[in-house]
Amino acid sequence: MLFSEDTSPEARAVLIQSYRAMPPERRLAIALDASDAMRALVRADIATRHPEATEEERQVLFLQRCFGDAVAEDIVRWRRSGGGPPA
C-alpha cells in the first residue's frame, strides 16, 4: 500500500505530482532511504521478539522474514559453503 487509507485524494495527488517532478536520482534516494529504514525496523523487531537469539540466528530470521524460508535456506547454505561468486 503506497498511501495510508486516511490520506485524502487531494493530498495523494499533490504527493504523486511532487514525486513525478523530482529527478530520478532523488526518487531513487528516497526509495533507498525507505528501504534502509524498513530493514532497520525489521531487525529491531526481530531483536525484540528474539532477545536470546545469536547474531547469526537473527540474520537467518531476517532473511526468512524478507525473502521466505526457501530463499533464506539457500542463502544460508551458500554462505556456509564459502559464499563465493558463481563460477
PDB file of N, CA and C in Angstrom:
ATOM      1  N   MET A   1       0.852  -1.169   0.000  1.00  0.00           N
ATOM      2  CA  MET A   1       0.000   0.000   0.000  1.00  0.00           C
ATOM      3  C   MET A   1       0.898   1.233   0.000  1.00  0.00           C
ATOM      4  N   LEU A   2       0.755   2.074  -0.996  1.00  0.00           N
ATOM      5  CA  LEU A   2       1.584   3.264  -1.133  1.00  0.00           C
ATOM      6  C   LEU A   2       1.147   4.376  -0.199  1.00  0.00           C
ATOM      7  N   PHE A   3      -0.145   4.501   0.017  1.00  0.00           N
ATOM      8  CA  PHE A   3      -0.670   5.587   0.839  1.00  0.00           C
ATOM      9  C   PHE A   3      -1.500   5.029   1.980  1.00  0.00           C
ATOM     10  N   SER A   4      -1.519   5.779   3.059  1.00  0.00           N
ATOM     11  CA  SER A   4      -2.389   5.437   4.176  1.00  0.00           C
ATOM     12  C   SER A   4      -3.834   5.635   3.744  1.00  0.00           C
ATOM     13  N   GLU A   5      -4.711   4.836   4.309  1.00  0.00           N
ATOM     14  CA  GLU A   5      -6.123   4.950   3.947  1.00  0.00           C
ATOM     15  C   GLU A   5      -6.718   6.283   4.373  1.00  0.00           C
ATOM     16  N   ASP A   6      -6.049   6.981   5.300  1.00  0.00           N
ATOM     17  CA  ASP A   6      -6.587   8.271   5.727  1.00  0.00           C
ATOM     18  C   ASP A   6      -6.004   9.449   4.942  1.00  0.00           C
ATOM     19  N   THR A   7      -5.243   9.157   3.881  1.00  0.00           N
ATOM     20  CA  THR A   7      -4.729  10.213   3.011  1.00  0.00           C
ATOM     21  C   THR A   7      -5.837  10.657   2.068  1.00  0.00           C
ATOM     22  N   SER A   8      -6.073  11.949   2.044  1.00  0.00           N
ATOM     23  CA  SER A   8      -7.137  12.456   1.171  1.00  0.00           C
ATOM     24  C   SER A   8      -6.715  12.340  -0.286  1.00  0.00           C
ATOM     25  N   PRO A   9      -7.662  12.240  -1.194  1.00  0.00           N
ATOM     26  CA  PRO A   9      -7.327  12.190  -2.621  1.00  0.00           C
ATOM     27  C   PRO A   9      -6.541  13.422  -3.074  1.00  0.00           C
ATOM     28  N   GLU A  10      -6.846  14.570  -2.497  1.00  0.00           N
ATOM     29  CA  GLU A  10      -6.135  15.796  -2.871  1.00  0.00           C
ATOM     30  C   GLU A  10      -4.668  15.719  -2.434  1.00  0.00           C
ATOM     31  N   ALA A  11      -4.449  15.289  -1.196  1.00  0.00           N
ATOM     32  CA  ALA A  11      -3.078  15.163  -0.697  1.00  0.00           C
ATOM     33  C   ALA A  11      -2.312  14.120  -1.499  1.00  0.00           C
ATOM     34  N   ARG A  12      -2.971  13.024  -1.824  1.00  0.00           N
ATOM     35  CA  ARG A  12      -2.353  11.974  -2.632  1.00  0.00           C
ATOM     36  C   ARG A  12      -1.923  12.532  -3.989  1.00  0.00           C
ATOM     37  N   ALA A  13      -2.780  13.314  -4.630  1.00  0.00           N
ATOM     38  CA  ALA A  13      -2.467  13.893  -5.943  1.00  0.00           C
ATOM     39  C   ALA A  13      -1.266  14.829  -5.856  1.00  0.00           C
ATOM     40  N   VAL A  14      -1.207  15.633  -4.804  1.00  0.00           N
ATOM     41  CA  VAL A  14      -0.074  16.553  -4.627  1.00  0.00           C
ATOM     42  C   VAL A  14       1.218  15.763  -4.442  1.00  0.00           C
ATOM     43  N   LEU A  15       1.174  14.726  -3.634  1.00  0.00           N
ATOM     44  CA  LEU A  15       2.364  13.920  -3.395  1.00  0.00           C
ATOM     45  C   LEU A  15       2.830  13.228  -4.674  1.00  0.00           C
ATOM     46  N   ILE A  16       1.909  12.649  -5.404  1.00  0.00           N
ATOM     47  CA  ILE A  16       2.269  11.988  -6.666  1.00  0.00           C
ATOM     48  C   ILE A  16       2.894  12.982  -7.630  1.00  0.00           C
ATOM     49  N   GLN A  17       2.305  14.147  -7.741  1.00  0.00           N
ATOM     50  CA  GLN A  17       2.852  15.166  -8.646  1.00  0.00           C
ATOM     51  C   GLN A  17       4.254  15.589  -8.208  1.00  0.00           C
ATOM     52  N   SER A  18       4.466  15.712  -6.901  1.00  0.00           N
ATOM     53  CA  SER A  18       5.799  16.117  -6.436  1.00  0.00           C
ATOM     54  C   SER A  18       6.837  15.038  -6.743  1.00  0.00           C
ATOM     55  N   TYR A  19       6.465  13.768  -6.610  1.00  0.00           N
ATOM     56  CA  TYR A  19       7.393  12.697  -6.978  1.00  0.00           C
ATOM     57  C   TYR A  19       7.678  12.710  -8.478  1.00  0.00           C
ATOM     58  N   ARG A  20       6.678  12.936  -9.278  1.00  0.00           N
ATOM     59  CA  ARG A  20       6.876  12.970 -10.734  1.00  0.00           C
ATOM     60  C   ARG A  20       7.779  14.117 -11.157  1.00  0.00           C
ATOM     61  N   ALA A  21       7.773  15.199 -10.401  1.00  0.00           N
ATOM     62  CA  ALA A  21       8.594  16.364 -10.735  1.00  0.00           C
ATOM     63  C   ALA A  21      10.049  16.195 -10.299  1.00  0.00           C
ATOM     64  N   MET A  22      10.323  15.229  -9.449  1.00  0.00           N
ATOM     65  CA  MET A  22      11.681  15.023  -8.944  1.00  0.00           C
ATOM     66  C   MET A  22      12.561  14.380 -10.000  1.00  0.00           C
ATOM     67  N   PRO A  23      13.850  14.701  -9.946  1.00  0.00           N
ATOM     68  CA  PRO A  23      14.788  13.979 -10.813  1.00  0.00           C
ATOM     69  C   PRO A  23      14.850  12.505 -10.385  1.00  0.00           C
ATOM     70  N   PRO A  24      15.138  11.620 -11.318  1.00  0.00           N
ATOM     71  CA  PRO A  24      15.167  10.185 -10.995  1.00  0.00           C
ATOM     72  C   PRO A  24      16.106   9.848  -9.840  1.00  0.00           C
ATOM     73  N   GLU A  25      17.254  10.510  -9.773  1.00  0.00           N
ATOM     74  CA  GLU A  25      18.201  10.186  -8.703  1.00  0.00           C
ATOM     75  C   GLU A  25      17.642  10.551  -7.321  1.00  0.00           C
ATOM     76  N   ARG A  26      16.815  11.574  -7.244  1.00  0.00           N
ATOM     77  CA  ARG A  26      16.183  11.939  -5.967  1.00  0.00           C
ATOM     78  C   ARG A  26      15.130  10.898  -5.583  1.00  0.00           C
ATOM     79  N   ARG A  27      14.346  10.445  -6.559  1.00  0.00           N
ATOM     80  CA  ARG A  27      13.354   9.397  -6.281  1.00  0.00           C
ATOM     81  C   ARG A  27      14.048   8.116  -5.815  1.00  0.00           C
ATOM     82  N   LEU A  28      15.168   7.798  -6.462  1.00  0.00           N
ATOM     83  CA  LEU A  28      15.928   6.614  -6.056  1.00  0.00           C
ATOM     84  C   LEU A  28      16.452   6.774  -4.633  1.00  0.00           C
ATOM     85  N   ALA A  29      16.976   7.944  -4.306  1.00  0.00           N
ATOM     86  CA  ALA A  29      17.490   8.186  -2.954  1.00  0.00           C
ATOM     87  C   ALA A  29      16.382   8.018  -1.913  1.00  0.00           C
ATOM     88  N   ILE A  30      15.197   8.516  -2.206  1.00  0.00           N
ATOM     89  CA  ILE A  30      14.065   8.369  -1.283  1.00  0.00           C
ATOM     90  C   ILE A  30      13.713   6.893  -1.111  1.00  0.00           C
ATOM     91  N   ALA A  31      13.681   6.157  -2.211  1.00  0.00           N
ATOM     92  CA  ALA A  31      13.354   4.726  -2.139  1.00  0.00           C
ATOM     93  C   ALA A  31      14.409   3.958  -1.344  1.00  0.00           C
ATOM     94  N   LEU A  32      15.680   4.275  -1.556  1.00  0.00           N
ATOM     95  CA  LEU A  32      16.743   3.591  -0.820  1.00  0.00           C
ATOM     96  C   LEU A  32      16.682   3.918   0.668  1.00  0.00           C
ATOM     97  N   ASP A  33      16.402   5.181   0.999  1.00  0.00           N
ATOM     98  CA  ASP A  33      16.252   5.562   2.410  1.00  0.00           C
ATOM     99  C   ASP A  33      15.094   4.805   3.056  1.00  0.00           C
ATOM    100  N   ALA A  34      13.984   4.692   2.339  1.00  0.00           N
ATOM    101  CA  ALA A  34      12.827   3.963   2.872  1.00  0.00           C
ATOM    102  C   ALA A  34      13.171   2.485   3.066  1.00  0.00           C
ATOM    103  N   SER A  35      13.920   1.921   2.134  1.00  0.00           N
ATOM    104  CA  SER A  35      14.326   0.523   2.243  1.00  0.00           C
ATOM    105  C   SER A  35      15.247   0.317   3.446  1.00  0.00           C
ATOM    106  N   ASP A  36      16.202   1.232   3.635  1.00  0.00           N
ATOM    107  CA  ASP A  36      17.091   1.157   4.799  1.00  0.00           C
ATOM    108  C   ASP A  36      16.293   1.230   6.099  1.00  0.00           C
ATOM    109  N   ALA A  37      15.334   2.146   6.144  1.00  0.00           N
ATOM    110  CA  ALA A  37      14.513   2.305   7.348  1.00  0.00           C
ATOM    111  C   ALA A  37      13.703   1.041   7.622  1.00  0.00           C
ATOM    112  N   MET A  38      13.145   0.447   6.582  1.00  0.00           N
ATOM    113  CA  MET A  38      12.349  -0.761   6.768  1.00  0.00           C
ATOM    114  C   MET A  38      13.219  -1.917   7.261  1.00  0.00           C
ATOM    115  N   ARG A  39      14.410  -2.063   6.701  1.00  0.00           N
ATOM    116  CA  ARG A  39      15.306  -3.124   7.176  1.00  0.00           C
ATOM    117  C   ARG A  39      15.658  -2.919   8.649  1.00  0.00           C
ATOM    118  N   ALA A  40      15.903  -1.669   9.039  1.00  0.00           N
ATOM    119  CA  ALA A  40      16.219  -1.377  10.439  1.00  0.00           C
ATOM    120  C   ALA A  40      15.039  -1.724  11.346  1.00  0.00           C
ATOM    121  N   LEU A  41      13.826  -1.409  10.907  1.00  0.00           N
ATOM    122  CA  LEU A  41      12.638  -1.746  11.703  1.00  0.00           C
ATOM    123  C   LEU A  41      12.468  -3.255  11.844  1.00  0.00           C
ATOM    124  N   VAL A  42      12.689  -3.987  10.759  1.00  0.00           N
ATOM    125  CA  VAL A  42      12.572  -5.450  10.813  1.00  0.00           C
ATOM    126  C   VAL A  42      13.617  -6.022  11.767  1.00  0.00           C
ATOM    127  N   ARG A  43      14.848  -5.532  11.667  1.00  0.00           N
ATOM    128  CA  ARG A  43      15.906  -6.027  12.561  1.00  0.00           C
ATOM    129  C   ARG A  43      15.587  -5.713  14.029  1.00  0.00           C
ATOM    130  N   ALA A  44      15.067  -4.522  14.295  1.00  0.00           N
ATOM    131  CA  ALA A  44      14.702  -4.155  15.668  1.00  0.00           C
ATOM    132  C   ALA A  44      13.574  -5.047  16.186  1.00  0.00           C
ATOM    133  N   ASP A  45      12.603  -5.332  15.334  1.00  0.00           N
ATOM    134  CA  ASP A  45      11.501  -6.206  15.738  1.00  0.00           C
ATOM    135  C   ASP A  45      12.011  -7.608  16.056  1.00  0.00           C
ATOM    136  N   ILE A  46      12.907  -8.113  15.230  1.00  0.00           N
ATOM    137  CA  ILE A  46      13.469  -9.447  15.469  1.00  0.00           C
ATOM    138  C   ILE A  46      14.234  -9.461  16.791  1.00  0.00           C
ATOM    139  N   ALA A  47      15.022  -8.422  17.055  1.00  0.00           N
ATOM    140  CA  ALA A  47      15.777  -8.357  18.310  1.00  0.00           C
ATOM    141  C   ALA A  47      14.844  -8.316  19.511  1.00  0.00           C
ATOM    142  N   THR A  48      13.721  -7.621  19.379  1.00  0.00           N
ATOM    143  CA  THR A  48      12.747  -7.539  20.469  1.00  0.00           C
ATOM    144  C   THR A  48      12.049  -8.872  20.695  1.00  0.00           C
ATOM    145  N   ARG A  49      11.673  -9.519  19.612  1.00  0.00           N
ATOM    146  CA  ARG A  49      10.935 -10.782  19.727  1.00  0.00           C
ATOM    147  C   ARG A  49      11.826 -11.974  20.077  1.00  0.00           C
ATOM    148  N   HIS A  50      13.119 -11.860  19.765  1.00  0.00           N
ATOM    149  CA  HIS A  50      14.047 -12.978  19.986  1.00  0.00           C
ATOM    150  C   HIS A  50      15.311 -12.479  20.692  1.00  0.00           C
ATOM    151  N   PRO A  51      15.181 -11.978  21.927  1.00  0.00           N
ATOM    152  CA  PRO A  51      16.355 -11.417  22.607  1.00  0.00           C
ATOM    153  C   PRO A  51      17.440 -12.456  22.887  1.00  0.00           C
ATOM    154  N   GLU A  52      17.066 -13.726  22.925  1.00  0.00           N
ATOM    155  CA  GLU A  52      18.030 -14.787  23.212  1.00  0.00           C
ATOM    156  C   GLU A  52      18.797 -15.233  21.969  1.00  0.00           C
ATOM    157  N   ALA A  53      18.373 -14.803  20.802  1.00  0.00           N
ATOM    158  CA  ALA A  53      18.976 -15.265  19.545  1.00  0.00           C
ATOM    159  C   ALA A  53      20.374 -14.687  19.366  1.00  0.00           C
ATOM    160  N   THR A  54      21.250 -15.514  18.798  1.00  0.00           N
ATOM    161  CA  THR A  54      22.583 -15.028  18.439  1.00  0.00           C
ATOM    162  C   THR A  54      22.459 -14.129  17.214  1.00  0.00           C
ATOM    163  N   GLU A  55      23.539 -13.426  16.890  1.00  0.00           N
ATOM    164  CA  GLU A  55      23.515 -12.563  15.707  1.00  0.00           C
ATOM    165  C   GLU A  55      23.267 -13.387  14.446  1.00  0.00           C
ATOM    166  N   GLU A  56      23.874 -14.565  14.356  1.00  0.00           N
ATOM    167  CA  GLU A  56      23.652 -15.421  13.188  1.00  0.00           C
ATOM    168  C   GLU A  56      22.187 -15.855  13.096  1.00  0.00           C
ATOM    169  N   GLU A  57      21.600 -16.214  14.225  1.00  0.00           N
ATOM    170  CA  GLU A  57      20.183 -16.600  14.228  1.00  0.00           C
ATOM    171  C   GLU A  57      19.293 -15.424  13.817  1.00  0.00           C
ATOM    172  N   ARG A  58      19.654 -14.236  14.274  1.00  0.00           N
ATOM    173  CA  ARG A  58      18.882 -13.050  13.883  1.00  0.00           C
ATOM    174  C   ARG A  58      18.999 -12.783  12.387  1.00  0.00           C
ATOM    175  N   GLN A  59      20.172 -13.023  11.835  1.00  0.00           N
ATOM    176  CA  GLN A  59      20.333 -12.844  10.391  1.00  0.00           C
ATOM    177  C   GLN A  59      19.451 -13.818   9.623  1.00  0.00           C
ATOM    178  N   VAL A  60      19.382 -15.061  10.087  1.00  0.00           N
ATOM    179  CA  VAL A  60      18.528 -16.054   9.432  1.00  0.00           C
ATOM    180  C   VAL A  60      17.062 -15.642   9.551  1.00  0.00           C
ATOM    181  N   LEU A  61      16.646 -15.186  10.724  1.00  0.00           N
ATOM    182  CA  LEU A  61      15.266 -14.721  10.905  1.00  0.00           C
ATOM    183  C   LEU A  61      14.960 -13.545   9.983  1.00  0.00           C
ATOM    184  N   PHE A  62      15.931 -12.655   9.819  1.00  0.00           N
ATOM    185  CA  PHE A  62      15.760 -11.521   8.904  1.00  0.00           C
ATOM    186  C   PHE A  62      15.561 -12.008   7.471  1.00  0.00           C
ATOM    187  N   LEU A  63      16.396 -12.929   7.044  1.00  0.00           N
ATOM    188  CA  LEU A  63      16.269 -13.474   5.689  1.00  0.00           C
ATOM    189  C   LEU A  63      14.925 -14.167   5.498  1.00  0.00           C
ATOM    190  N   GLN A  64      14.502 -14.926   6.501  1.00  0.00           N
ATOM    191  CA  GLN A  64      13.203 -15.602   6.408  1.00  0.00           C
ATOM    192  C   GLN A  64      12.070 -14.589   6.293  1.00  0.00           C
ATOM    193  N   ARG A  65      12.129 -13.537   7.089  1.00  0.00           N
ATOM    194  CA  ARG A  65      11.063 -12.529   7.083  1.00  0.00           C
ATOM    195  C   ARG A  65      11.019 -11.807   5.739  1.00  0.00           C
ATOM    196  N   CYS A  66      12.183 -11.498   5.187  1.00  0.00           N
ATOM    197  CA  CYS A  66      12.223 -10.695   3.959  1.00  0.00           C
ATOM    198  C   CYS A  66      12.037 -11.510   2.687  1.00  0.00           C
ATOM    199  N   PHE A  67      12.544 -12.742   2.678  1.00  0.00           N
ATOM    200  CA  PHE A  67      12.584 -13.498   1.429  1.00  0.00           C
ATOM    201  C   PHE A  67      11.867 -14.840   1.471  1.00  0.00           C
ATOM    202  N   GLY A  68      11.405 -15.251   2.651  1.00  0.00           N
ATOM    203  CA  GLY A  68      10.754 -16.547   2.778  1.00  0.00           C
ATOM    204  C   GLY A  68      11.753 -17.629   3.157  1.00  0.00           C
ATOM    205  N   ASP A  69      11.219 -18.740   3.636  1.00  0.00           N
ATOM    206  CA  ASP A  69      12.062 -19.818   4.155  1.00  0.00           C
ATOM    207  C   ASP A  69      12.967 -20.439   3.093  1.00  0.00           C
ATOM    208  N   ALA A  70      12.438 -20.704   1.914  1.00  0.00           N
ATOM    209  CA  ALA A  70      13.225 -21.399   0.883  1.00  0.00           C
ATOM    210  C   ALA A  70      14.431 -20.570   0.456  1.00  0.00           C
ATOM    211  N   VAL A  71      14.225 -19.294   0.193  1.00  0.00           N
ATOM    212  CA  VAL A  71      15.336 -18.431  -0.223  1.00  0.00           C
ATOM    213  C   VAL A  71      16.321 -18.262   0.931  1.00  0.00           C
ATOM    214  N   ALA A  72      15.807 -18.102   2.147  1.00  0.00           N
ATOM    215  CA  ALA A  72      16.688 -17.968   3.315  1.00  0.00           C
ATOM    216  C   ALA A  72      17.577 -19.199   3.456  1.00  0.00           C
ATOM    217  N   GLU A  73      17.000 -20.382   3.286  1.00  0.00           N
ATOM    218  CA  GLU A  73      17.789 -21.615   3.369  1.00  0.00           C
ATOM    219  C   GLU A  73      18.876 -21.640   2.302  1.00  0.00           C
ATOM    220  N   ASP A  74      18.545 -21.231   1.086  1.00  0.00           N
ATOM    221  CA  ASP A  74      19.541 -21.189   0.010  1.00  0.00           C
ATOM    222  C   ASP A  74      20.676 -20.230   0.346  1.00  0.00           C
ATOM    223  N   ILE A  75      20.348 -19.065   0.892  1.00  0.00           N
ATOM    224  CA  ILE A  75      21.371 -18.074   1.235  1.00  0.00           C
ATOM    225  C   ILE A  75      22.261 -18.598   2.355  1.00  0.00           C
ATOM    226  N   VAL A  76      21.669 -19.197   3.375  1.00  0.00           N
ATOM    227  CA  VAL A  76      22.454 -19.746   4.485  1.00  0.00           C
ATOM    228  C   VAL A  76      23.380 -20.846   3.976  1.00  0.00           C
ATOM    229  N   ARG A  77      22.859 -21.731   3.147  1.00  0.00           N
ATOM    230  CA  ARG A  77      23.675 -22.814   2.580  1.00  0.00           C
ATOM    231  C   ARG A  77      24.827 -22.228   1.761  1.00  0.00           C
ATOM    232  N   TRP A  78      24.544 -21.214   0.964  1.00  0.00           N
ATOM    233  CA  TRP A  78      25.565 -20.574   0.142  1.00  0.00           C
ATOM    234  C   TRP A  78      26.635 -19.926   1.019  1.00  0.00           C
ATOM    235  N   ARG A  79      26.212 -19.226   2.072  1.00  0.00           N
ATOM    236  CA  ARG A  79      27.179 -18.585   2.975  1.00  0.00           C
ATOM    237  C   ARG A  79      28.064 -19.621   3.653  1.00  0.00           C
ATOM    238  N   ARG A  80      27.471 -20.723   4.091  1.00  0.00           N
ATOM    239  CA  ARG A  80      28.234 -21.748   4.806  1.00  0.00           C
ATOM    240  C   ARG A  80      29.194 -22.498   3.887  1.00  0.00           C
ATOM    241  N   SER A  81      28.911 -22.489   2.584  1.00  0.00           N
ATOM    242  CA  SER A  81      29.794 -23.172   1.634  1.00  0.00           C
ATOM    243  C   SER A  81      30.963 -22.292   1.203  1.00  0.00           C
ATOM    244  N   GLY A  82      31.030 -21.096   1.689  1.00  0.00           N
ATOM    245  CA  GLY A  82      32.120 -20.197   1.334  1.00  0.00           C
ATOM    246  C   GLY A  82      31.623 -18.922   0.698  1.00  0.00           C
ATOM    247  N   GLY A  83      30.425 -18.959   0.171  1.00  0.00           N
ATOM    248  CA  GLY A  83      29.772 -17.760  -0.328  1.00  0.00           C
ATOM    249  C   GLY A  83      30.471 -17.015  -1.433  1.00  0.00           C
ATOM    250  N   GLY A  84      31.245 -17.710  -2.244  1.00  0.00           N
ATOM    251  CA  GLY A  84      31.915 -17.036  -3.344  1.00  0.00           C
ATOM    252  C   GLY A  84      30.979 -16.762  -4.497  1.00  0.00           C
ATOM    253  N   PRO A  85      31.437 -15.934  -5.414  1.00  0.00           N
ATOM    254  CA  PRO A  85      30.611 -15.655  -6.592  1.00  0.00           C
ATOM    255  C   PRO A  85      30.459 -16.903  -7.452  1.00  0.00           C
ATOM    256  N   PRO A  86      29.393 -16.968  -8.233  1.00  0.00           N
ATOM    257  CA  PRO A  86      29.207 -18.127  -9.110  1.00  0.00           C
ATOM    258  C   PRO A  86      30.367 -18.268 -10.087  1.00  0.00           C
ATOM    259  N   ALA A  87      30.704 -19.497 -10.411  1.00  0.00           N
ATOM    260  CA  ALA A  87      31.830 -19.748 -11.333  1.00  0.00           C
ATOM    261  C   ALA A  87      31.436 -19.474 -12.762  1.00  0.00           C
TER     262      ALA A  87
END
